[in-house]
Protein backbone atom coordinates (compact mmCIF):
# COMPACT_ATOMS: atom_id res chain seq x y z
CA MET A 1 9.30 144.48 96.48
CA VAL A 2 8.84 144.52 100.26
CA ASN A 3 8.72 140.72 100.38
CA TRP A 4 11.89 140.56 98.26
CA ILE A 5 13.75 142.91 100.62
CA GLN A 6 12.42 141.00 103.64
CA LYS A 7 13.69 137.74 102.13
CA ILE A 8 17.17 139.25 101.68
CA VAL A 9 17.17 140.66 105.21
CA ASN A 10 16.25 137.21 106.65
CA HIS A 11 18.91 135.38 104.62
CA GLY A 12 20.98 133.20 106.93
CA VAL A 13 18.43 133.28 109.78
CA ILE A 14 17.86 129.84 111.31
CA ILE A 15 14.71 128.87 113.18
CA GLU A 16 16.75 127.58 116.11
CA ASP A 17 18.43 131.02 116.57
CA ASP A 18 17.46 133.10 119.56
CA PHE A 19 16.19 136.66 119.16
CA GLN A 20 19.59 138.33 119.67
CA GLU A 21 21.26 136.20 117.00
CA ARG A 22 18.43 136.73 114.52
CA ARG A 23 18.58 140.49 115.05
CA LYS A 24 22.33 140.62 114.40
CA VAL A 25 21.99 138.63 111.18
CA GLN A 26 19.13 140.83 109.97
CA ILE A 27 20.96 144.10 110.74
CA SER A 28 24.11 142.81 109.02
CA ASN A 29 22.07 141.99 105.92
CA TYR A 30 20.38 145.36 106.15
CA LEU A 31 23.73 147.15 106.17
CA LEU A 32 24.96 145.11 103.21
CA ILE A 33 21.85 146.05 101.20
CA ILE A 34 22.35 149.78 101.87
CA LEU A 35 26.08 149.68 101.10
CA TRP A 36 25.48 147.65 97.93
CA LEU A 37 22.92 150.13 96.63
CA TYR A 38 25.13 153.11 97.49
CA ASN A 39 28.14 151.61 95.74
CA LEU A 40 25.99 150.63 92.76
CA ILE A 41 25.10 154.30 92.41
CA ASN A 42 28.80 155.27 92.69
CA PHE A 43 29.65 152.60 90.12
CA CYS A 44 27.23 154.14 87.64
CA VAL A 45 28.17 157.76 88.44
CA PHE A 46 31.95 157.31 88.25
CA GLY A 47 31.76 154.94 85.30
CA PHE A 48 29.30 156.67 82.99
CA ILE A 49 28.75 160.25 84.21
CA ILE A 50 32.01 161.44 85.89
CA TRP A 51 34.88 159.18 84.85
CA LYS A 52 37.00 158.57 87.92
CA PRO A 53 38.80 155.24 87.45
CA PHE A 54 39.89 154.76 91.07
CA LEU A 55 36.36 155.47 92.34
CA PHE A 56 34.85 153.29 89.64
CA TRP A 57 37.01 150.30 90.56
CA ASP A 58 36.50 150.97 94.28
CA ALA A 59 32.74 150.77 93.76
CA PHE A 60 33.07 147.72 91.47
CA PHE A 61 35.15 145.61 93.85
CA THR A 62 33.04 146.76 96.78
CA LEU A 63 29.94 145.39 95.03
CA ILE A 64 31.72 142.08 94.51
CA TYR A 65 32.85 141.88 98.15
CA ILE A 66 29.34 142.63 99.44
CA ILE A 67 27.82 139.90 97.22
CA VAL A 68 30.43 137.40 98.43
CA PHE A 69 29.77 138.35 102.06
CA PHE A 70 26.04 137.95 101.55
CA PHE A 71 25.96 134.55 99.82
CA PHE A 72 28.61 133.03 102.10
CA ARG A 73 26.53 133.80 105.16
CA LYS A 74 26.39 130.56 107.07
CA LYS A 75 26.37 129.73 110.73
CA SER A 76 30.09 129.08 110.87
CA PHE A 77 30.89 132.42 109.12
CA ARG A 78 28.51 134.72 110.94
CA ASN A 79 30.99 136.15 113.42
CA LEU A 80 33.63 136.53 110.69
CA LEU A 81 31.21 138.42 108.47
CA ARG A 82 30.37 140.85 111.25
CA HIS A 83 34.06 141.66 111.60
CA LEU A 84 34.43 141.98 107.81
CA VAL A 85 31.54 144.45 107.66
CA CYS A 86 33.18 146.71 110.24
CA ILE A 87 36.67 146.37 108.74
CA PHE A 88 35.36 146.97 105.22
CA ILE A 89 33.59 150.18 106.22
CA LEU A 90 36.67 151.28 108.17
CA LEU A 91 38.95 150.67 105.17
CA GLY A 92 36.51 152.40 102.86
CA LEU A 93 36.50 155.39 105.15
CA ALA A 94 40.32 155.46 105.20
CA ASN A 95 40.52 155.18 101.41
CA LEU A 96 37.93 157.88 100.78
CA SER A 97 39.39 160.20 103.39
CA PHE A 98 42.92 159.71 102.11
CA ARG A 99 41.90 160.63 98.59
CA PHE A 100 39.51 163.49 99.17
CA GLY A 101 39.69 164.58 102.81
CA GLU A 102 36.81 166.44 104.29
CA ARG A 103 35.46 167.12 100.82
CA ALA A 104 34.19 163.53 100.90
CA GLY A 105 32.45 164.06 104.25
CA PHE A 106 34.37 161.27 105.97
CA HIS A 107 33.59 162.56 109.46
CA PHE A 108 29.95 161.61 108.92
CA PHE A 109 31.07 158.01 108.41
CA ILE A 110 32.97 158.25 111.68
CA PHE A 111 29.72 159.10 113.39
CA PHE A 112 27.96 156.23 111.67
CA LEU A 113 30.67 153.65 112.38
CA GLY A 114 30.53 154.44 116.07
CA CYS A 115 27.15 152.73 116.41
CA ILE A 116 27.85 149.63 114.30
CA PRO A 117 30.00 147.58 116.79
CA PHE A 118 27.42 148.12 119.51
CA VAL A 119 24.76 146.57 117.28
CA LEU A 120 26.74 143.64 115.89
CA PHE A 121 28.74 142.49 118.92
CA GLU A 122 28.22 141.70 122.58
CA ASN A 123 31.82 141.22 123.69
CA PHE A 124 32.99 144.44 125.38
CA LYS A 125 36.59 143.96 124.27
CA VAL A 126 35.61 143.70 120.60
CA ILE A 127 33.38 146.75 120.81
CA PHE A 128 36.12 148.76 122.52
CA ALA A 129 38.70 147.64 119.92
CA TYR A 130 36.55 148.80 117.00
CA PHE A 131 35.62 152.01 118.75
CA LEU A 132 39.31 152.72 119.38
CA ALA A 133 40.12 151.98 115.72
CA ILE A 134 37.39 154.33 114.52
CA VAL A 135 38.58 157.16 116.76
CA SER A 136 42.19 156.54 115.70
CA VAL A 137 41.30 156.75 112.00
CA TYR A 138 39.43 159.94 112.59
CA LEU A 139 42.28 161.54 114.55
CA ILE A 140 44.97 160.42 112.07
CA PHE A 141 43.24 161.81 109.03
CA ASP A 142 42.06 164.92 110.84
CA VAL A 143 45.67 165.73 111.83
CA CYS A 144 46.87 164.78 108.36
CA PHE A 145 44.41 167.09 106.62
CA SER A 146 45.21 169.93 109.02
CA SER A 147 48.96 169.83 108.27
CA HIS A 148 48.73 168.81 104.63
CA PRO A 149 45.47 169.99 103.12
CA ILE A 150 44.43 168.10 100.03
CA SER A 151 43.65 170.12 96.97
CA PRO A 152 39.93 169.94 96.41
CA ASP A 153 38.65 168.40 93.24
CA PRO A 154 35.70 170.44 91.96
CA GLU A 155 34.14 167.45 90.24
CA ILE A 156 33.59 165.54 93.49
CA ASN A 157 32.43 168.33 95.74
CA PHE A 158 28.94 166.80 95.51
CA LEU A 159 30.08 163.75 97.58
CA TYR A 160 29.89 165.81 100.73
CA TYR A 161 26.10 165.97 100.80
CA PRO A 162 25.35 162.38 99.68
CA ASN A 163 27.69 161.08 102.35
CA LEU A 164 26.01 163.30 104.92
CA ILE A 165 22.55 162.09 103.88
CA LEU A 166 23.70 158.45 103.72
CA SER A 167 25.31 158.62 107.18
CA ILE A 168 22.20 160.13 108.74
CA PHE A 169 19.96 157.61 106.95
CA ILE A 170 22.02 154.58 107.93
CA PHE A 171 22.37 155.68 111.52
CA THR A 172 18.66 156.47 111.81
CA SER A 173 17.46 153.29 110.05
CA VAL A 174 19.81 150.98 111.95
CA THR A 175 18.86 152.58 115.25
CA TYR A 176 15.17 152.39 114.37
CA ASN A 177 15.49 148.79 113.22
CA PHE A 178 17.34 147.90 116.39
CA LYS A 179 14.67 149.54 118.53
CA TYR A 180 11.81 148.15 116.44
CA GLN A 181 13.11 144.59 116.64
CA THR A 182 13.77 144.98 120.38
CA ASN A 183 10.27 146.34 121.00
CA LYS A 184 8.78 143.63 118.84
CA TYR A 185 10.67 140.99 120.76
CA GLN A 186 9.72 142.59 124.07
CA LYS A 187 6.07 142.69 123.03
CA LEU A 188 6.31 139.04 122.03
CA VAL A 189 7.90 138.20 125.37
CA ASP A 190 5.22 140.21 127.20
CA ASN A 191 2.48 138.36 125.32
CA GLN A 192 4.12 135.03 126.11
CA VAL A 193 4.46 136.02 129.77
CA LYS A 194 0.81 137.05 129.76
CA ASP A 195 -0.19 133.77 128.12
CA LEU A 196 1.96 131.84 130.58
CA SER A 197 0.39 133.74 133.47
CA GLU A 198 -3.09 132.92 132.20
CA LEU A 199 -2.05 129.33 131.59
CA SER A 200 -0.51 129.17 135.07
CA PHE A 201 -3.75 130.52 136.55
CA LYS A 202 -5.76 127.93 134.62
CA LEU A 203 -3.37 125.19 135.68
CA MET A 204 -3.68 126.28 139.30
CA ALA A 205 -7.47 126.19 138.97
CA GLN A 206 -7.25 122.78 137.30
CA LYS A 207 -4.85 121.62 140.00
CA ASP A 208 -7.37 122.65 142.66
CA GLN A 209 -10.11 120.86 140.74
CA VAL A 210 -7.91 117.78 140.32
CA THR A 211 -7.16 117.85 144.04
CA ILE A 212 -10.87 118.03 144.82
CA THR A 213 -11.60 115.25 142.34
CA ALA A 214 -8.75 113.14 143.74
CA ASN A 215 -10.13 113.56 147.26
CA GLN A 216 -13.58 112.57 146.03
CA LEU A 217 -12.11 109.56 144.23
CA ARG A 218 -10.22 108.55 147.37
CA GLN A 219 -13.44 108.76 149.36
CA LYS A 220 -15.33 106.75 146.74
CA THR A 221 -12.45 104.27 146.52
CA SER A 222 -12.54 103.86 150.28
CA VAL A 223 -16.31 103.27 150.16
CA LEU A 224 -15.88 100.79 147.29
CA GLU A 225 -13.11 98.95 149.10
CA THR A 226 -15.33 98.68 152.15
CA GLN A 227 -18.24 97.48 150.02
CA ASN A 228 -16.03 95.04 148.13
CA LYS A 229 -14.66 93.68 151.37
CA SER A 230 -18.19 93.25 152.68
CA ILE A 231 -19.33 91.63 149.41
CA PHE A 232 -16.35 89.29 149.35
CA GLU A 233 -16.98 88.30 152.96
CA SER A 234 -20.63 87.65 152.11
CA LEU A 235 -19.57 85.55 149.11
CA ARG A 236 -17.11 83.63 151.26
CA LEU A 237 -19.86 82.83 153.75
CA ALA A 238 -22.21 81.96 150.88
CA SER A 239 -19.55 79.60 149.52
CA MET A 240 -19.31 77.91 152.92
CA VAL A 241 -23.11 77.56 153.04
CA GLN A 242 -23.14 76.13 149.51
CA ARG A 243 -20.42 73.60 150.30
CA GLU A 244 -22.27 72.57 153.46
CA ALA A 245 -25.37 71.96 151.34
CA LEU A 246 -23.40 69.57 149.13
CA PRO A 247 -22.13 66.17 150.24
CA ALA A 248 -18.49 65.63 151.13
CA VAL A 249 -16.34 64.48 148.23
CA GLU A 250 -15.48 61.24 150.04
CA ALA A 251 -19.20 60.46 150.33
CA VAL A 252 -19.72 60.75 146.58
CA PHE A 253 -17.71 57.64 145.79
CA GLN A 254 -18.83 55.32 148.59
CA GLY A 255 -19.52 51.87 147.21
CA LEU A 256 -17.43 52.57 144.08
CA LYS A 257 -13.99 51.28 143.22
CA ALA A 258 -12.52 54.76 142.58
CA GLY A 259 -13.47 58.25 141.51
CA PHE A 260 -12.45 61.89 141.32
CA LEU A 261 -14.17 65.27 141.36
CA LEU A 262 -12.67 68.37 139.68
CA TYR A 263 -14.67 71.35 140.94
CA LYS A 264 -13.70 74.82 139.63
CA PRO A 265 -16.19 77.63 140.30
CA LYS A 266 -15.85 80.67 138.03
CA ASP A 267 -16.50 82.96 141.00
CA VAL A 268 -16.39 82.36 144.73
CA VAL A 269 -19.73 80.57 144.55
CA SER A 270 -20.88 78.31 141.75
CA GLY A 271 -23.96 77.62 139.65
CA ASP A 272 -22.73 74.06 139.01
CA PHE A 273 -23.24 71.50 141.73
CA TYR A 274 -22.84 67.81 142.44
CA TRP A 275 -24.85 65.56 144.72
CA ALA A 276 -24.55 61.89 145.76
CA LYS A 277 -26.31 59.41 148.00
CA THR A 278 -25.51 55.76 148.73
CA THR A 279 -28.63 53.63 149.24
CA TRP A 280 -29.19 49.90 149.64
CA GLN A 281 -30.07 49.80 145.93
CA GLY A 282 -26.90 51.55 144.73
CA THR A 283 -25.11 54.91 144.59
CA ILE A 284 -26.90 57.91 143.08
CA ILE A 285 -24.61 60.58 141.55
CA VAL A 286 -25.83 63.92 140.21
CA VAL A 287 -23.94 66.58 138.21
CA ALA A 288 -25.91 69.71 137.28
CA ASP A 289 -25.45 73.12 135.67
CA CYS A 290 -27.93 75.75 136.85
CA ILE A 291 -28.93 79.04 135.26
CA GLY A 292 -25.94 81.44 135.19
CA HIS A 293 -23.06 81.40 137.63
CA GLY A 294 -21.99 83.35 140.69
CA VAL A 295 -24.64 84.31 143.26
CA PRO A 296 -27.76 83.69 141.06
CA GLY A 297 -26.46 80.30 139.98
CA SER A 298 -25.46 79.32 143.52
CA MET A 299 -28.95 80.12 144.85
CA MET A 300 -30.44 77.88 142.19
CA ALA A 301 -27.84 75.17 142.95
CA VAL A 302 -28.64 75.12 146.69
CA LEU A 303 -32.37 75.03 145.95
CA ALA A 304 -31.97 72.14 143.46
CA ALA A 305 -29.66 70.16 145.80
CA ASN A 306 -32.22 70.45 148.63
CA LEU A 307 -35.04 69.38 146.33
CA ILE A 308 -33.05 66.33 145.20
CA SER A 309 -32.45 65.41 148.84
CA GLN A 310 -36.22 65.58 149.47
CA ILE A 311 -37.00 63.52 146.39
CA VAL A 312 -34.49 60.78 147.22
CA GLU A 313 -34.57 60.71 151.01
CA ASP A 314 -38.19 61.66 151.76
CA GLN A 315 -40.03 60.37 148.71
CA GLY A 316 -37.75 57.35 148.16
CA LYS A 317 -37.28 57.86 144.43
CA ILE A 318 -33.97 56.39 143.19
CA PHE A 319 -34.34 55.85 139.43
CA PRO A 320 -32.77 58.72 137.45
CA SER A 321 -35.78 59.38 135.19
CA ASP A 322 -38.14 59.49 138.21
CA ILE A 323 -35.84 61.91 140.03
CA LEU A 324 -35.66 64.16 136.96
CA ALA A 325 -39.43 64.20 136.46
CA GLU A 326 -40.10 65.07 140.11
CA LEU A 327 -37.31 67.69 140.20
CA ASP A 328 -38.69 69.30 137.04
CA LYS A 329 -42.13 69.53 138.64
CA LYS A 330 -40.86 71.05 141.87
CA LEU A 331 -38.57 73.57 140.12
CA ARG A 332 -41.41 74.79 137.89
CA ARG A 333 -43.45 75.51 140.99
CA ARG A 334 -40.59 77.40 142.65
CA ILE A 335 -39.30 79.41 139.68
CA LYS A 336 -42.69 80.12 138.02
CA GLN A 337 -41.25 80.63 134.55
CA ASP A 338 -43.27 82.01 131.63
CA PRO A 339 -42.47 83.59 128.22
CA ASP A 340 -42.40 87.06 129.80
CA SER A 341 -39.96 86.05 132.54
CA GLU A 342 -36.37 87.34 132.53
CA ILE A 343 -35.30 83.75 133.27
CA SER A 344 -35.61 81.90 129.97
CA ASP A 345 -33.26 78.93 130.56
CA GLY A 346 -33.47 76.09 133.01
CA MET A 347 -31.11 73.46 134.38
CA ASP A 348 -28.84 70.95 132.62
CA ILE A 349 -28.48 67.83 134.74
CA ALA A 350 -27.23 64.24 134.54
CA ILE A 351 -28.07 61.49 137.06
CA VAL A 352 -26.65 57.97 137.33
CA LEU A 353 -27.51 55.08 139.58
CA VAL A 354 -24.58 52.70 139.99
CA ALA A 355 -25.60 49.23 141.19
CA ASP A 356 -23.50 46.05 140.87
CA ASN A 357 -22.44 45.75 137.22
CA GLN A 358 -24.99 48.16 135.85
CA VAL A 359 -25.22 51.94 135.45
CA SER A 360 -28.64 53.58 134.99
CA PHE A 361 -28.44 56.96 133.30
CA ALA A 362 -30.93 59.76 132.64
CA ALA A 363 -30.22 63.39 131.83
CA ALA A 364 -31.50 66.72 130.59
CA SER A 365 -29.09 68.21 128.01
CA ARG A 366 -25.98 66.60 129.58
CA PRO A 367 -24.07 63.55 128.28
CA LEU A 368 -22.36 60.59 129.91
CA VAL A 369 -19.03 59.38 128.50
CA LYS A 370 -18.05 55.75 128.92
CA ILE A 371 -14.53 54.50 128.20
CA SER A 372 -14.21 50.76 128.43
CA ALA A 373 -11.17 48.87 129.69
CA GLU A 374 -10.35 48.11 126.05
CA GLY A 375 -10.36 51.87 125.21
CA ARG A 376 -13.71 52.00 123.42
CA VAL A 377 -15.38 55.41 123.81
CA GLN A 378 -19.16 55.79 123.96
CA THR A 379 -21.17 58.97 124.51
CA PHE A 380 -24.75 58.72 125.78
CA LYS A 381 -27.07 61.70 125.54
CA GLY A 382 -30.11 62.26 127.64
CA THR A 383 -33.24 64.25 126.86
CA ARG A 384 -32.41 67.44 124.94
CA SER A 385 -34.85 69.53 126.98
CA GLN A 386 -33.76 71.44 130.07
CA LEU A 387 -35.38 71.16 133.45
CA ALA A 388 -37.79 73.91 134.50
CA SER A 389 -37.76 75.76 131.18
CA TRP A 390 -40.92 77.21 129.66
CA LYS A 391 -39.38 76.37 126.25
CA SER A 392 -40.07 72.66 126.94
CA ASN A 393 -43.50 71.57 128.13
CA TRP A 394 -43.18 68.73 130.66
CA PRO A 395 -40.55 66.63 128.86
CA GLU A 396 -40.41 62.86 129.28
CA PHE A 397 -37.19 61.44 130.69
CA GLU A 398 -35.87 57.97 129.81
CA THR A 399 -33.43 55.88 131.83
CA LEU A 400 -30.71 54.08 129.88
CA GLU A 401 -29.35 50.84 131.32
CA LEU A 402 -25.61 50.42 130.67
CA GLU A 403 -23.31 47.54 131.45
CA ALA A 404 -20.38 48.30 133.76
CA ASN A 405 -17.62 45.76 133.36
CA ARG A 406 -14.39 45.59 135.30
CA GLY A 407 -12.11 48.55 134.36
CA ASP A 408 -14.86 50.61 132.67
CA ARG A 409 -14.77 54.32 133.51
CA PHE A 410 -17.61 56.85 133.35
CA TYR A 411 -17.44 60.64 133.17
CA LEU A 412 -20.04 63.33 133.90
CA PHE A 413 -19.26 67.01 133.24
CA THR A 414 -20.90 70.42 132.87
CA ASP A 415 -20.62 72.61 129.77
CA GLY A 416 -17.96 74.79 131.43
CA ALA A 417 -15.51 71.95 130.78
CA THR A 418 -15.97 72.21 126.99
CA ASP A 419 -16.74 75.94 126.60
CA GLN A 420 -13.47 77.26 128.04
CA PHE A 421 -11.57 79.52 125.61
CA GLY A 422 -7.85 78.91 125.11
CA GLU A 423 -5.05 81.46 125.30
CA LYS A 424 -3.05 80.19 122.31
CA ILE A 425 -6.12 79.31 120.24
CA ASP A 426 -8.93 81.79 120.81
CA LYS A 427 -11.76 79.30 120.59
CA LYS A 428 -13.62 76.88 122.82
CA LEU A 429 -12.10 73.56 123.83
CA GLY A 430 -15.04 71.60 122.43
CA THR A 431 -16.50 68.19 123.32
CA LYS A 432 -14.32 66.22 120.86
CA GLN A 433 -11.05 67.62 122.17
CA PHE A 434 -12.20 67.18 125.77
CA ILE A 435 -13.02 63.49 125.19
CA ALA A 436 -9.71 63.06 123.36
CA GLU A 437 -7.94 64.40 126.46
CA LEU A 438 -9.83 61.87 128.60
CA GLU A 439 -8.75 59.08 126.25
CA SER A 440 -5.10 60.10 126.57
CA LEU A 441 -5.29 59.70 130.36
CA GLN A 442 -6.68 56.16 130.48
CA SER A 443 -3.35 54.66 131.42
CA GLN A 444 -3.42 56.71 134.64
CA SER A 445 -5.39 56.15 137.81
CA LEU A 446 -8.41 58.40 138.45
CA ASP A 447 -6.54 60.37 141.13
CA ILE A 448 -3.74 61.11 138.65
CA GLN A 449 -6.33 61.96 136.00
CA LYS A 450 -7.73 64.70 138.24
CA GLU A 451 -4.28 66.26 138.63
CA GLN A 452 -3.55 66.00 134.90
CA LEU A 453 -6.90 67.55 133.97
CA ALA A 454 -6.29 70.47 136.37
CA LEU A 455 -2.88 71.08 134.75
CA PHE A 456 -4.40 70.75 131.27
CA TYR A 457 -7.01 73.44 131.99
CA ASP A 458 -4.46 75.79 133.52
CA GLU A 459 -2.29 75.48 130.40
CA TRP A 460 -5.23 75.70 127.97
CA GLN A 461 -6.78 78.72 129.70
CA GLY A 462 -3.53 80.63 130.25
CA ASN A 463 -4.27 84.31 130.80
CA GLN A 464 -7.83 83.96 129.54
CA ASN A 465 -10.65 84.48 132.02
CA GLN A 466 -12.52 81.37 133.09
CA THR A 467 -15.64 81.16 130.94
CA ASP A 468 -17.99 79.25 133.23
CA ASP A 469 -18.16 77.01 136.29
CA ILE A 470 -16.56 73.60 135.73
CA ILE A 471 -17.38 70.18 137.20
CA ILE A 472 -15.80 66.98 135.92
CA LEU A 473 -16.69 63.79 137.80
CA GLY A 474 -15.18 60.44 136.90
CA PHE A 475 -15.76 57.04 138.53
CA GLU A 476 -14.95 53.38 138.07
CA THR A 477 -17.23 50.58 139.22
């Protein structure tokens, strides 16, 4: 029953309404419920107990009007319905007073009506207008009854006390409801203010903590920037040292018809390196890929380049297989690898000796690609074992003797050239596609080939990170 009444009272209330609007709608519904019940009682009394046709039809049409007012309560009709409630009660008072005078207890309704406009409206002019109308009705009928008393009807003398009780009840309940809703709203506002104050205090504490954290982060960022600057400067110097340890690019191709070197370190310093030396027996060219990249790889690259210089210049070894065997021996002594070492891999390396019309080739896990003047492509693979790896126990290296006719071109490269991931196709370039790209460039000179390969890798890589260090070395005898 309570839920049913509460549902009727909240009819027409919209979630978006503010508290004042909700309260007005609820009080209007509350008044309609009371008036409907009162007139239902009158309808039954004057229709079945005391037959008074004018009172019966008054009660009947009043019930209909109240139902219409209630079910037509929409946002666009709210203000109109508030006016209709006041006007309806005012007209009812006039009708009742005109018929029965003070015997109907109309002055109690005057007292009740005086509080209704203050509850339903906020506009001072509207409130004053209704208040003036109420007072006018009271004065008119009071004067009228004084000069022309209405003959009392004994059968309706009982209306005096019900109207008195109803007026007191309505006034008390509306006032209580108004105060209750206001207090409830005020308590809700107080709780929200309290919650906001607590939240504000927490936010202030969090703000202080954020400020402290931000200051700490700024300090750490400053330290990191200083450290990064120092590290970058160290890497820049290391790169200069590494380049000084390697021969000049012009020196690589002395004694050869033409050549190019595409050198792309992944980081500032590189684990891939090249080396060359022109002797009276021919030109020795080395392309190697050391363990890792960056600083660890560069340290290995400088060490290996110095060892090759000792082997060739001090020991006089020039054949690729002899250089590989001696380099493998020296690296094993320096690195001291074993199964328990964190360093499990060794060095991939390819060495050629170019003399007259012949190219001698030996390698550890790196190929040599030959493209003849007629466009024939041949790939020569060296020993599959790596240098200085405990996985291979003193491998034997073999030198391949290849003919170098006029217009033949040879290419050495590290695995970074084939392992680079593409932006459009998220997979490695691969050896086949790399060689196919070399084939497509054979109509160009080697200098142009270097430029075209650089553009090809930029386009292939796109926004992808560089996977590994890259060296591509091409020459023509």
